[in-house]
Amino acid sequence: MILHYDDGDLEGHFKGLKRRGQGVIVGFDVDNVDAYYDLIHGKGAPLKQAPKDEPWGDRDFAVIDPDGFEIWFSESIKKR
């Protein structure tokens, strides 16, 4: 799991946030990202990015949870 917070302003990092969870990214490495996508998307989770092959060798997708946190699911496809 990867936790990342970045709003570009460490001095006032809570000022001006438009939603809970804004600027927080949570990431999970999984074995079958497409199966996770089918499960999570099938439950109606708001999609930020559909599954996509990335140039650095990952396939990933992202959703926004009910509290506004950005959650990414990723699988290495270098071995495929």
N, C-alpha and C. Protein backbone atom coordinates (compact mmCIF):
# COMPACT_ATOMS: atom_id res chain seq x y z
N MET A 1 0.85 -1.17 0.00
CA MET A 1 0.00 0.00 0.00
C MET A 1 0.89 1.23 0.00
N ILE A 2 0.50 2.23 -0.75
CA ILE A 2 1.23 3.49 -0.83
C ILE A 2 0.29 4.60 -0.39
N LEU A 3 0.73 5.43 0.54
CA LEU A 3 -0.03 6.61 0.93
C LEU A 3 0.74 7.82 0.45
N HIS A 4 0.06 8.74 -0.18
CA HIS A 4 0.73 9.91 -0.74
C HIS A 4 -0.17 11.12 -0.51
N TYR A 5 0.41 12.19 0.00
CA TYR A 5 -0.34 13.44 0.14
C TYR A 5 0.43 14.51 -0.60
N ASP A 6 -0.23 15.18 -1.51
CA ASP A 6 0.44 16.25 -2.24
C ASP A 6 -0.58 17.25 -2.75
N ASP A 7 -0.60 18.40 -2.12
CA ASP A 7 -1.45 19.47 -2.64
C ASP A 7 -0.59 20.62 -3.16
N GLY A 8 0.74 20.41 -3.17
CA GLY A 8 1.65 21.41 -3.70
C GLY A 8 1.96 22.54 -2.74
N ASP A 9 1.42 22.50 -1.53
CA ASP A 9 1.63 23.59 -0.58
C ASP A 9 1.75 23.00 0.82
N LEU A 10 2.95 22.62 1.22
CA LEU A 10 3.14 21.98 2.52
C LEU A 10 2.90 22.93 3.68
N GLU A 11 3.11 24.23 3.48
CA GLU A 11 2.89 25.20 4.56
C GLU A 11 1.42 25.28 4.96
N GLY A 12 0.53 25.34 3.99
CA GLY A 12 -0.90 25.49 4.27
C GLY A 12 -1.68 24.33 3.69
N HIS A 13 -1.22 23.10 3.95
CA HIS A 13 -1.77 21.96 3.23
C HIS A 13 -3.23 21.65 3.52
N PHE A 14 -3.86 22.27 4.50
CA PHE A 14 -5.28 22.03 4.71
C PHE A 14 -6.14 23.20 4.26
N LYS A 15 -5.52 24.28 3.86
CA LYS A 15 -6.28 25.45 3.41
C LYS A 15 -6.82 25.24 2.00
N GLY A 16 -8.06 25.57 1.78
CA GLY A 16 -8.62 25.57 0.45
C GLY A 16 -9.01 24.21 -0.11
N LEU A 17 -9.02 23.18 0.73
CA LEU A 17 -9.42 21.87 0.23
C LEU A 17 -10.91 21.89 -0.12
N LYS A 18 -11.26 21.37 -1.27
CA LYS A 18 -12.64 21.41 -1.75
C LYS A 18 -13.45 20.19 -1.30
N ARG A 19 -12.77 19.12 -0.90
CA ARG A 19 -13.47 17.93 -0.45
C ARG A 19 -12.59 17.18 0.55
N ARG A 20 -13.21 16.36 1.38
CA ARG A 20 -12.44 15.49 2.26
C ARG A 20 -11.60 14.58 1.39
N GLY A 21 -10.42 14.28 1.82
CA GLY A 21 -9.57 13.37 1.07
C GLY A 21 -8.82 14.00 -0.08
N GLN A 22 -9.10 15.24 -0.40
CA GLN A 22 -8.43 15.89 -1.53
C GLN A 22 -6.93 15.88 -1.30
N GLY A 23 -6.19 15.48 -2.29
CA GLY A 23 -4.73 15.46 -2.20
C GLY A 23 -4.17 14.17 -1.64
N VAL A 24 -5.03 13.26 -1.16
CA VAL A 24 -4.56 12.00 -0.61
C VAL A 24 -4.79 10.91 -1.64
N ILE A 25 -3.74 10.18 -1.93
CA ILE A 25 -3.81 9.08 -2.89
C ILE A 25 -3.39 7.80 -2.16
N VAL A 26 -4.22 6.78 -2.25
CA VAL A 26 -3.92 5.48 -1.66
C VAL A 26 -3.77 4.50 -2.81
N GLY A 27 -2.70 3.71 -2.80
CA GLY A 27 -2.47 2.78 -3.89
C GLY A 27 -2.26 1.37 -3.40
N PHE A 28 -2.79 0.41 -4.16
CA PHE A 28 -2.63 -1.00 -3.85
C PHE A 28 -2.09 -1.72 -5.08
N ASP A 29 -1.08 -2.56 -4.88
CA ASP A 29 -0.61 -3.46 -5.93
C ASP A 29 -1.42 -4.74 -5.82
N VAL A 30 -2.00 -5.18 -6.93
CA VAL A 30 -2.85 -6.37 -6.94
C VAL A 30 -2.39 -7.33 -8.04
N ASP A 31 -2.87 -8.56 -7.96
CA ASP A 31 -2.47 -9.58 -8.94
C ASP A 31 -3.26 -9.51 -10.24
N ASN A 32 -4.50 -9.08 -10.18
CA ASN A 32 -5.33 -9.05 -11.39
C ASN A 32 -6.16 -7.77 -11.38
N VAL A 33 -5.59 -6.70 -11.90
CA VAL A 33 -6.22 -5.38 -11.82
C VAL A 33 -7.57 -5.35 -12.55
N ASP A 34 -7.70 -6.10 -13.62
CA ASP A 34 -8.97 -6.09 -14.35
C ASP A 34 -10.09 -6.75 -13.55
N ALA A 35 -9.77 -7.78 -12.78
CA ALA A 35 -10.78 -8.41 -11.91
C ALA A 35 -11.21 -7.44 -10.81
N TYR A 36 -10.26 -6.70 -10.24
CA TYR A 36 -10.61 -5.69 -9.23
C TYR A 36 -11.48 -4.60 -9.85
N TYR A 37 -11.13 -4.18 -11.05
CA TYR A 37 -11.94 -3.17 -11.73
C TYR A 37 -13.38 -3.67 -11.92
N ASP A 38 -13.54 -4.89 -12.42
CA ASP A 38 -14.88 -5.43 -12.64
C ASP A 38 -15.68 -5.46 -11.33
N LEU A 39 -15.03 -5.86 -10.24
CA LEU A 39 -15.70 -5.94 -8.94
C LEU A 39 -16.09 -4.55 -8.43
N ILE A 40 -15.14 -3.64 -8.40
CA ILE A 40 -15.36 -2.32 -7.81
C ILE A 40 -16.27 -1.47 -8.69
N HIS A 41 -16.03 -1.48 -9.99
CA HIS A 41 -16.87 -0.70 -10.90
C HIS A 41 -18.30 -1.25 -10.91
N GLY A 42 -18.42 -2.57 -10.79
CA GLY A 42 -19.74 -3.20 -10.74
C GLY A 42 -20.55 -2.79 -9.53
N LYS A 43 -19.87 -2.36 -8.47
CA LYS A 43 -20.56 -1.89 -7.26
C LYS A 43 -20.88 -0.40 -7.32
N GLY A 44 -20.51 0.25 -8.44
CA GLY A 44 -20.89 1.64 -8.64
C GLY A 44 -19.91 2.68 -8.13
N ALA A 45 -18.68 2.29 -7.86
CA ALA A 45 -17.70 3.26 -7.36
C ALA A 45 -17.43 4.33 -8.44
N PRO A 46 -17.36 5.60 -8.03
CA PRO A 46 -17.07 6.67 -9.00
C PRO A 46 -15.67 6.50 -9.59
N LEU A 47 -15.60 6.40 -10.89
CA LEU A 47 -14.35 6.13 -11.59
C LEU A 47 -13.57 7.41 -11.85
N LYS A 48 -12.29 7.39 -11.51
CA LYS A 48 -11.39 8.49 -11.87
C LYS A 48 -10.66 8.17 -13.17
N GLN A 49 -10.22 6.91 -13.31
CA GLN A 49 -9.55 6.48 -14.54
C GLN A 49 -9.87 5.01 -14.79
N ALA A 50 -10.27 4.69 -15.99
CA ALA A 50 -10.51 3.30 -16.39
C ALA A 50 -9.17 2.57 -16.49
N PRO A 51 -9.18 1.24 -16.48
CA PRO A 51 -7.92 0.50 -16.60
C PRO A 51 -7.12 0.94 -17.82
N LYS A 52 -5.83 1.14 -17.59
CA LYS A 52 -4.96 1.70 -18.63
C LYS A 52 -3.56 1.13 -18.47
N ASP A 53 -2.94 0.74 -19.58
CA ASP A 53 -1.54 0.33 -19.57
C ASP A 53 -0.67 1.57 -19.57
N GLU A 54 0.23 1.65 -18.58
CA GLU A 54 1.10 2.81 -18.43
C GLU A 54 2.46 2.54 -19.06
N PRO A 55 3.15 3.58 -19.54
CA PRO A 55 4.45 3.40 -20.19
C PRO A 55 5.52 2.80 -19.28
N TRP A 56 5.35 2.91 -17.97
CA TRP A 56 6.36 2.40 -17.03
C TRP A 56 6.14 0.94 -16.67
N GLY A 57 5.15 0.29 -17.29
CA GLY A 57 4.99 -1.15 -17.12
C GLY A 57 3.92 -1.57 -16.14
N ASP A 58 3.02 -0.68 -15.78
CA ASP A 58 1.90 -1.02 -14.91
C ASP A 58 0.59 -0.89 -15.68
N ARG A 59 -0.40 -1.62 -15.23
CA ARG A 59 -1.78 -1.41 -15.68
C ARG A 59 -2.52 -0.97 -14.43
N ASP A 60 -3.26 0.14 -14.50
CA ASP A 60 -3.90 0.65 -13.30
C ASP A 60 -5.24 1.30 -13.60
N PHE A 61 -6.00 1.51 -12.53
CA PHE A 61 -7.23 2.29 -12.59
C PHE A 61 -7.41 2.95 -11.24
N ALA A 62 -8.31 3.94 -11.20
CA ALA A 62 -8.53 4.68 -9.96
C ALA A 62 -10.00 4.99 -9.77
N VAL A 63 -10.40 5.02 -8.50
CA VAL A 63 -11.75 5.41 -8.10
C VAL A 63 -11.63 6.47 -7.01
N ILE A 64 -12.75 7.13 -6.73
CA ILE A 64 -12.83 8.08 -5.63
C ILE A 64 -13.78 7.46 -4.61
N ASP A 65 -13.32 7.30 -3.36
CA ASP A 65 -14.18 6.69 -2.35
C ASP A 65 -15.18 7.72 -1.80
N PRO A 66 -16.15 7.28 -0.99
CA PRO A 66 -17.19 8.20 -0.51
C PRO A 66 -16.67 9.40 0.28
N ASP A 67 -15.47 9.29 0.87
CA ASP A 67 -14.88 10.40 1.60
C ASP A 67 -14.00 11.28 0.72
N GLY A 68 -13.91 10.97 -0.58
CA GLY A 68 -13.15 11.78 -1.50
C GLY A 68 -11.71 11.35 -1.70
N PHE A 69 -11.30 10.24 -1.10
CA PHE A 69 -9.94 9.76 -1.27
C PHE A 69 -9.79 9.09 -2.63
N GLU A 70 -8.66 9.34 -3.26
CA GLU A 70 -8.34 8.74 -4.55
C GLU A 70 -7.66 7.40 -4.28
N ILE A 71 -8.22 6.32 -4.81
CA ILE A 71 -7.68 4.99 -4.58
C ILE A 71 -7.29 4.37 -5.92
N TRP A 72 -6.02 3.99 -6.02
CA TRP A 72 -5.47 3.41 -7.24
C TRP A 72 -5.19 1.93 -7.03
N PHE A 73 -5.48 1.15 -8.05
CA PHE A 73 -5.16 -0.27 -8.06
C PHE A 73 -4.23 -0.49 -9.25
N SER A 74 -3.14 -1.20 -9.02
CA SER A 74 -2.11 -1.33 -10.03
C SER A 74 -1.57 -2.75 -10.08
N GLU A 75 -1.19 -3.16 -11.28
CA GLU A 75 -0.57 -4.47 -11.50
C GLU A 75 0.59 -4.29 -12.46
N SER A 76 1.72 -4.92 -12.15
CA SER A 76 2.86 -4.89 -13.06
C SER A 76 2.53 -5.76 -14.28
N ILE A 77 2.70 -5.19 -15.47
CA ILE A 77 2.44 -5.97 -16.69
C ILE A 77 3.74 -6.24 -17.45
N LYS A 78 4.86 -5.95 -16.83
CA LYS A 78 6.16 -6.18 -17.46
C LYS A 78 6.35 -7.67 -17.76
N LYS A 79 5.75 -8.53 -16.90
CA LYS A 79 5.94 -9.98 -17.02
C LYS A 79 5.02 -10.62 -18.05
N ARG A 80 3.97 -9.91 -18.47
CA ARG A 80 2.97 -10.48 -19.40
C ARG A 80 3.59 -10.83 -20.72
